[in-house]
C-alpha atoms as a PDB file:
ATOM      1  CA  MET A   1      -0.147  -0.232  -0.162  1.00  0.00           C
ATOM      2  CA  PRO A   2       1.650   3.261  -1.163  1.00  0.00           C
ATOM      3  CA  CYS A   3       2.569   6.141   1.290  1.00  0.00           C
ATOM      4  CA  LEU A   4       0.633   8.956   1.363  1.00  0.00           C
ATOM      5  CA  CYS A   5       3.924  10.813   1.363  1.00  0.00           C
ATOM      6  CA  SER A   6       4.648   9.190  -1.573  1.00  0.00           C
ATOM      7  CA  ILE A   7       1.867  10.340  -4.118  1.00  0.00           C
ATOM      8  CA  ASP A   8       2.514  13.331  -6.228  1.00  0.00           C
ATOM      9  CA  TRP A   9      -0.105  15.672  -4.927  1.00  0.00           C
ATOM     10  CA  ALA A  10       0.625  18.311  -7.905  1.00  0.00           C
ATOM     11  CA  SER A  11       0.207  16.459 -10.572  1.00  0.00           C
ATOM     12  CA  LEU A  12      -3.543  15.228  -8.997  1.00  0.00           C
ATOM     13  CA  LEU A  13      -4.444  17.999  -8.370  1.00  0.00           C
ATOM     14  CA  SER A  14      -3.357  20.051 -11.492  1.00  0.00           C
ATOM     15  CA  TRP A  15      -5.383  23.322 -12.948  1.00  0.00           C
ATOM     16  CA  ASN A  16      -6.112  21.173 -15.761  1.00  0.00           C
ATOM     17  CA  SER A  17      -6.767  18.369 -14.097  1.00  0.00           C
ATOM     18  CA  ALA A  18      -9.357  19.942 -11.721  1.00  0.00           C
ATOM     19  CA  CYS A  19     -11.013  21.996 -14.458  1.00  0.00           C
ATOM     20  CA  SER A  20     -11.621  19.018 -16.491  1.00  0.00           C
ATOM     21  CA  SER A  21     -13.327  16.921 -13.887  1.00  0.00           C
ATOM     22  CA  PHE A  22     -15.122  19.816 -12.830  1.00  0.00           C
ATOM     23  CA  LEU A  23     -16.324  20.330 -16.950  1.00  0.00           C
ATOM     24  CA  TYR A  24     -17.545  16.495 -16.847  1.00  0.00           C
ATOM     25  CA  ALA A  25     -19.445  16.480 -13.266  1.00  0.00           C
ATOM     26  CA  LEU A  26     -21.293  19.935 -15.113  1.00  0.00           C
ATOM     27  CA  ALA A  27     -21.971  17.535 -18.261  1.00  0.00           C
ATOM     28  CA  VAL A  28     -23.289  14.924 -16.721  1.00  0.00           C
ATOM     29  CA  LEU A  29     -25.056  16.830 -14.547  1.00  0.00           C
ATOM     30  CA  LEU A  30     -26.681  19.509 -17.682  1.00  0.00           C
ATOM     31  CA  PHE A  31     -27.140  15.378 -19.503  1.00  0.00           C
ATOM     32  CA  LEU A  32     -29.403  14.888 -17.012  1.00  0.00           C
ATOM     33  CA  LEU A  33     -31.206  18.042 -15.976  1.00  0.00           C
ATOM     34  CA  GLY A  34     -31.655  17.992 -20.337  1.00  0.00           C
ATOM     35  CA  ILE A  35     -33.721  14.695 -19.821  1.00  0.00           C
ATOM     36  CA  ILE A  36     -35.576  15.942 -16.846  1.00  0.00           C
ATOM     37  CA  GLY A  37     -35.988  18.914 -18.636  1.00  0.00           C
ATOM     38  CA  CYS A  38     -37.990  17.013 -21.069  1.00  0.00           C
ATOM     39  CA  ALA A  39     -41.007  16.862 -18.683  1.00  0.00           C
ATOM     40  CA  LEU A  40     -40.391  20.327 -17.415  1.00  0.00           C
ATOM     41  CA  PRO A  41     -41.508  23.323 -18.375  1.00  0.00           C
ATOM     42  CA  TYR A  42     -38.050  24.863 -18.548  1.00  0.00           C
ATOM     43  CA  PRO A  43     -36.009  24.607 -21.900  1.00  0.00           C
ATOM     44  CA  GLY A  44     -34.247  21.308 -21.389  1.00  0.00           C
ATOM     45  CA  HIS A  45     -32.988  20.865 -24.538  1.00  0.00           C
ATOM     46  CA  VAL A  46     -31.235  24.095 -24.533  1.00  0.00           C
ATOM     47  CA  VAL A  47     -29.501  22.929 -20.709  1.00  0.00           C
ATOM     48  CA  LEU A  48     -28.688  19.480 -23.710  1.00  0.00           C
ATOM     49  CA  LEU A  49     -26.917  21.744 -25.798  1.00  0.00           C
ATOM     50  CA  GLY A  50     -24.824  23.317 -22.538  1.00  0.00           C
ATOM     51  CA  GLY A  51     -23.860  20.201 -21.445  1.00  0.00           C
ATOM     52  CA  CYS A  52     -22.476  19.171 -25.033  1.00  0.00           C
ATOM     53  CA  VAL A  53     -20.157  22.022 -24.601  1.00  0.00           C
ATOM     54  CA  ALA A  54     -19.500  21.400 -21.605  1.00  0.00           C
ATOM     55  CA  TYR A  55     -18.254  17.534 -22.476  1.00  0.00           C
ATOM     56  CA  THR A  56     -15.998  18.789 -25.573  1.00  0.00           C
ATOM     57  CA  TYR A  57     -13.918  21.727 -22.995  1.00  0.00           C
ATOM     58  CA  ALA A  58     -14.079  18.690 -21.074  1.00  0.00           C
ATOM     59  CA  LYS A  59     -12.554  16.116 -23.314  1.00  0.00           C
ATOM     60  CA  GLY A  60     -10.362  18.458 -24.649  1.00  0.00           C
ATOM     61  CA  GLY A  61     -10.084  16.829 -28.040  1.00  0.00           C
ATOM     62  CA  PRO A  62     -11.113  17.660 -31.092  1.00  0.00           C
ATOM     63  CA  SER A  63     -14.670  19.636 -31.321  1.00  0.00           C
ATOM     64  CA  PRO A  64     -17.579  18.357 -33.652  1.00  0.00           C
ATOM     65  CA  GLU A  65     -18.126  20.459 -36.703  1.00  0.00           C
ATOM     66  CA  LEU A  66     -19.946  23.569 -37.004  1.00  0.00           C
ATOM     67  CA  TRP A  67     -22.573  21.498 -38.781  1.00  0.00           C
ATOM     68  CA  VAL A  68     -23.120  19.575 -36.319  1.00  0.00           C
ATOM     69  CA  TRP A  69     -23.385  22.408 -33.352  1.00  0.00           C
ATOM     70  CA  GLY A  70     -26.128  24.252 -35.820  1.00  0.00           C
ATOM     71  CA  ALA A  71     -27.791  21.002 -35.761  1.00  0.00           C
ATOM     72  CA  LEU A  72     -27.784  20.608 -32.573  1.00  0.00           C
ATOM     73  CA  SER A  73     -28.562  24.479 -31.923  1.00  0.00           C
ATOM     74  CA  LEU A  74     -32.013  23.866 -33.971  1.00  0.00           C
ATOM     75  CA  LEU A  75     -32.788  20.812 -32.173  1.00  0.00           C
ATOM     76  CA  ALA A  76     -32.910  22.501 -29.050  1.00  0.00           C
ATOM     77  CA  LEU A  77     -34.998  24.812 -30.517  1.00  0.00           C
ATOM     78  CA  LEU A  78     -37.352  22.763 -32.222  1.00  0.00           C
ATOM     79  CA  GLY A  79     -37.619  20.508 -29.160  1.00  0.00           C
ATOM     80  CA  SER A  80     -38.024  23.849 -26.555  1.00  0.00           C
ATOM     81  CA  PHE A  81     -41.636  23.754 -28.352  1.00  0.00           C
ATOM     82  CA  THR A  82     -42.369  20.348 -29.777  1.00  0.00           C
ATOM     83  CA  ASP A  83     -44.996  19.403 -26.707  1.00  0.00           C
ATOM     84  CA  THR A  84     -47.123  23.136 -26.866  1.00  0.00           C
ATOM     85  CA  LEU A  85     -47.244  23.066 -30.513  1.00  0.00           C
ATOM     86  CA  LEU A  86     -48.295  19.088 -30.454  1.00  0.00           C
ATOM     87  CA  SER A  87     -50.819  20.127 -27.764  1.00  0.00           C
ATOM     88  CA  MET A  88     -51.705  23.037 -29.841  1.00  0.00           C
ATOM     89  CA  VAL A  89     -51.970  20.800 -33.244  1.00  0.00           C
ATOM     90  CA  GLY A  90     -53.998  17.811 -31.766  1.00  0.00           C
ATOM     91  CA  ALA A  91     -56.551  20.737 -30.636  1.00  0.00           C
ATOM     92  CA  LYS A  92     -56.881  21.813 -33.551  1.00  0.00           C
ATOM     93  CA  ARG A  93     -57.624  18.407 -35.042  1.00  0.00           C
ATOM     94  CA  PHE A  94     -60.612  17.856 -32.114  1.00  0.00           C
ATOM     95  CA  GLY A  95     -62.012  21.255 -33.213  1.00  0.00           C
ATOM     96  CA  CYS A  96     -61.078  23.589 -31.052  1.00  0.00           C
ATOM     97  CA  GLY A  97     -61.101  27.263 -32.426  1.00  0.00           C
ATOM     98  CA  SER A  98     -58.168  29.473 -31.633  1.00  0.00           C
ATOM     99  CA  ALA A  99     -58.930  30.617 -28.489  1.00  0.00           C
ATOM    100  CA  ALA A 100     -58.887  26.829 -27.155  1.00  0.00           C
ATOM    101  CA  ILE A 101     -55.637  26.174 -28.983  1.00  0.00           C
ATOM    102  CA  TRP A 102     -54.272  29.195 -27.096  1.00  0.00           C
ATOM    103  CA  CYS A 103     -55.789  28.338 -23.343  1.00  0.00           C
ATOM    104  CA  SER A 104     -54.645  24.799 -23.709  1.00  0.00           C
ATOM    105  CA  ALA A 105     -51.306  25.876 -24.202  1.00  0.00           C
ATOM    106  CA  LEU A 106     -51.538  28.196 -21.486  1.00  0.00           C
ATOM    107  CA  GLY A 107     -53.057  24.896 -19.455  1.00  0.00           C
ATOM    108  CA  MET A 108     -49.929  23.351 -20.290  1.00  0.00           C
ATOM    109  CA  LEU A 109     -47.959  26.024 -19.013  1.00  0.00           C
ATOM    110  CA  LEU A 110     -49.533  27.132 -16.097  1.00  0.00           C
ATOM    111  CA  GLY A 111     -50.237  23.122 -14.664  1.00  0.00           C
ATOM    112  CA  SER A 112     -46.849  21.246 -15.327  1.00  0.00           C
ATOM    113  CA  ILE A 113     -45.722  25.042 -13.058  1.00  0.00           C
ATOM    114  CA  PHE A 114     -47.986  24.338 -10.386  1.00  0.00           C
ATOM    115  CA  PHE A 115     -49.155  20.999 -10.818  1.00  0.00           C
ATOM    116  CA  PHE A 116     -46.278  19.043 -11.985  1.00  0.00           C
ATOM    117  CA  PRO A 117     -46.593  16.131 -12.760  1.00  0.00           C
ATOM    118  CA  LEU A 118     -50.161  15.608 -13.450  1.00  0.00           C
ATOM    119  CA  GLY A 119     -50.821  19.250 -14.767  1.00  0.00           C
ATOM    120  CA  LEU A 120     -49.015  18.110 -17.778  1.00  0.00           C
ATOM    121  CA  LEU A 121     -51.681  16.198 -18.533  1.00  0.00           C
ATOM    122  CA  ILE A 122     -54.944  18.049 -16.786  1.00  0.00           C
ATOM    123  CA  GLY A 123     -53.416  22.246 -17.648  1.00  0.00           C
ATOM    124  CA  PRO A 124     -54.247  21.719 -21.621  1.00  0.00           C
ATOM    125  CA  PHE A 125     -57.015  19.053 -21.437  1.00  0.00           C
ATOM    126  CA  LEU A 126     -58.900  21.808 -18.881  1.00  0.00           C
ATOM    127  CA  GLY A 127     -57.585  24.687 -20.730  1.00  0.00           C
ATOM    128  CA  ALA A 128     -58.957  23.693 -24.123  1.00  0.00           C
ATOM    129  CA  PHE A 129     -62.219  22.251 -22.177  1.00  0.00           C
ATOM    130  CA  LEU A 130     -63.223  25.347 -19.975  1.00  0.00           C
ATOM    131  CA  CYS A 131     -62.452  28.275 -23.175  1.00  0.00           C
ATOM    132  CA  GLU A 132     -64.458  26.092 -25.211  1.00  0.00           C
ATOM    133  CA  LEU A 133     -67.307  25.789 -22.487  1.00  0.00           C
ATOM    134  CA  THR A 134     -67.079  29.684 -21.150  1.00  0.00           C
ATOM    135  CA  TYR A 135     -65.639  31.486 -24.312  1.00  0.00           C
ATOM    136  CA  ALA A 136     -66.573  30.182 -27.661  1.00  0.00           C
ATOM    137  CA  ARG A 137     -70.005  28.688 -25.585  1.00  0.00           C
ATOM    138  CA  LYS A 138     -69.776  24.934 -27.603  1.00  0.00           C
ATOM    139  CA  SER A 139     -72.077  21.827 -26.324  1.00  0.00           C
ATOM    140  CA  LEU A 140     -70.442  19.624 -23.105  1.00  0.00           C
ATOM    141  CA  HIS A 141     -69.327  17.437 -25.702  1.00  0.00           C
ATOM    142  CA  ALA A 142     -67.992  19.245 -28.038  1.00  0.00           C
ATOM    143  CA  SER A 143     -65.845  20.798 -25.243  1.00  0.00           C
ATOM    144  CA  VAL A 144     -64.526  17.921 -24.080  1.00  0.00           C
ATOM    145  CA  LYS A 145     -63.700  16.363 -27.221  1.00  0.00           C
ATOM    146  CA  SER A 146     -61.206  19.404 -27.559  1.00  0.00           C
ATOM    147  CA  GLY A 147     -60.304  19.103 -24.594  1.00  0.00           C
ATOM    148  CA  VAL A 148     -58.951  15.229 -25.439  1.00  0.00           C
ATOM    149  CA  GLY A 149     -57.761  16.447 -28.471  1.00  0.00           C
ATOM    150  CA  ALA A 150     -55.027  19.017 -26.311  1.00  0.00           C
ATOM    151  CA  LEU A 151     -54.277  16.023 -23.925  1.00  0.00           C
ATOM    152  CA  ILE A 152     -53.509  13.839 -26.695  1.00  0.00           C
ATOM    153  CA  GLY A 153     -50.834  16.008 -28.192  1.00  0.00           C
ATOM    154  CA  ALA A 154     -49.196  17.248 -25.247  1.00  0.00           C
ATOM    155  CA  VAL A 155     -48.588  13.463 -24.218  1.00  0.00           C
ATOM    156  CA  LEU A 156     -47.485  13.323 -27.987  1.00  0.00           C
ATOM    157  CA  GLY A 157     -45.532  16.460 -27.667  1.00  0.00           C
ATOM    158  CA  THR A 158     -43.458  15.225 -24.159  1.00  0.00           C
ATOM    159  CA  LEU A 159     -43.035  12.316 -25.559  1.00  0.00           C
ATOM    160  CA  ALA A 160     -41.512  13.971 -29.188  1.00  0.00           C
ATOM    161  CA  LYS A 161     -39.118  16.119 -26.865  1.00  0.00           C
ATOM    162  CA  PHE A 162     -37.595  12.978 -25.467  1.00  0.00           C
ATOM    163  CA  VAL A 163     -36.779  11.707 -28.926  1.00  0.00           C
ATOM    164  CA  VAL A 164     -35.213  14.763 -30.004  1.00  0.00           C
ATOM    165  CA  ALA A 165     -33.293  15.012 -26.597  1.00  0.00           C
ATOM    166  CA  LEU A 166     -32.104  11.389 -27.776  1.00  0.00           C
ATOM    167  CA  VAL A 167     -31.276  12.447 -30.946  1.00  0.00           C
ATOM    168  CA  MET A 168     -28.852  15.425 -30.165  1.00  0.00           C
ATOM    169  CA  LEU A 169     -27.450  12.884 -27.645  1.00  0.00           C
ATOM    170  CA  ALA A 170     -26.562  10.543 -30.335  1.00  0.00           C
ATOM    171  CA  LEU A 171     -25.425  12.756 -32.771  1.00  0.00           C
ATOM    172  CA  PHE A 172     -23.152  14.526 -30.735  1.00  0.00           C
ATOM    173  CA  PHE A 173     -21.856  11.274 -29.579  1.00  0.00           C
ATOM    174  CA  LEU A 174     -21.447   9.710 -32.207  1.00  0.00           C
ATOM    175  CA  SER A 175     -19.772  13.193 -34.402  1.00  0.00           C
ATOM    176  CA  SER A 176     -17.246  13.957 -31.785  1.00  0.00           C
ATOM    177  CA  GLY A 177     -15.881  10.344 -31.435  1.00  0.00           C
ATOM    178  CA  SER A 178     -16.703   9.749 -27.913  1.00  0.00           C
END
């Protein structure tokens, strides 16, 4: 067993080693927060992109090409709005008016902030349903149908956010040679 005196502490605690370790830990944290952000109302894909940047600096090797960073940035932007967009599309396909479509998006945002995780499902439904029932004065059946459309769109949107995040990670790690 080596003596503590014989360990080269200076090389173990060198600046580059400490920075690299910190950046690797930061990258892992940002990757996890980015994936979790696919279900929460914050831009998880942008956080995931930050994890890619931290990992690139930690690795110290060649960076992915510029087109990869451009594709990752576009995917991060697209992924940040996927759930809201698909919720709105789902509501529209089930007969929602434009006010109810926006109310479903607002319901998703407020529901996920105040009543997570159940609010992700109930928010879009209630937003579209209540708007159709009270503002558009549609029947109960038509209002429920609009709410169900918003709910289906929200679920598909959240799943799509996870797919976009996985595509981002696959593109990054395949292009960086890690």
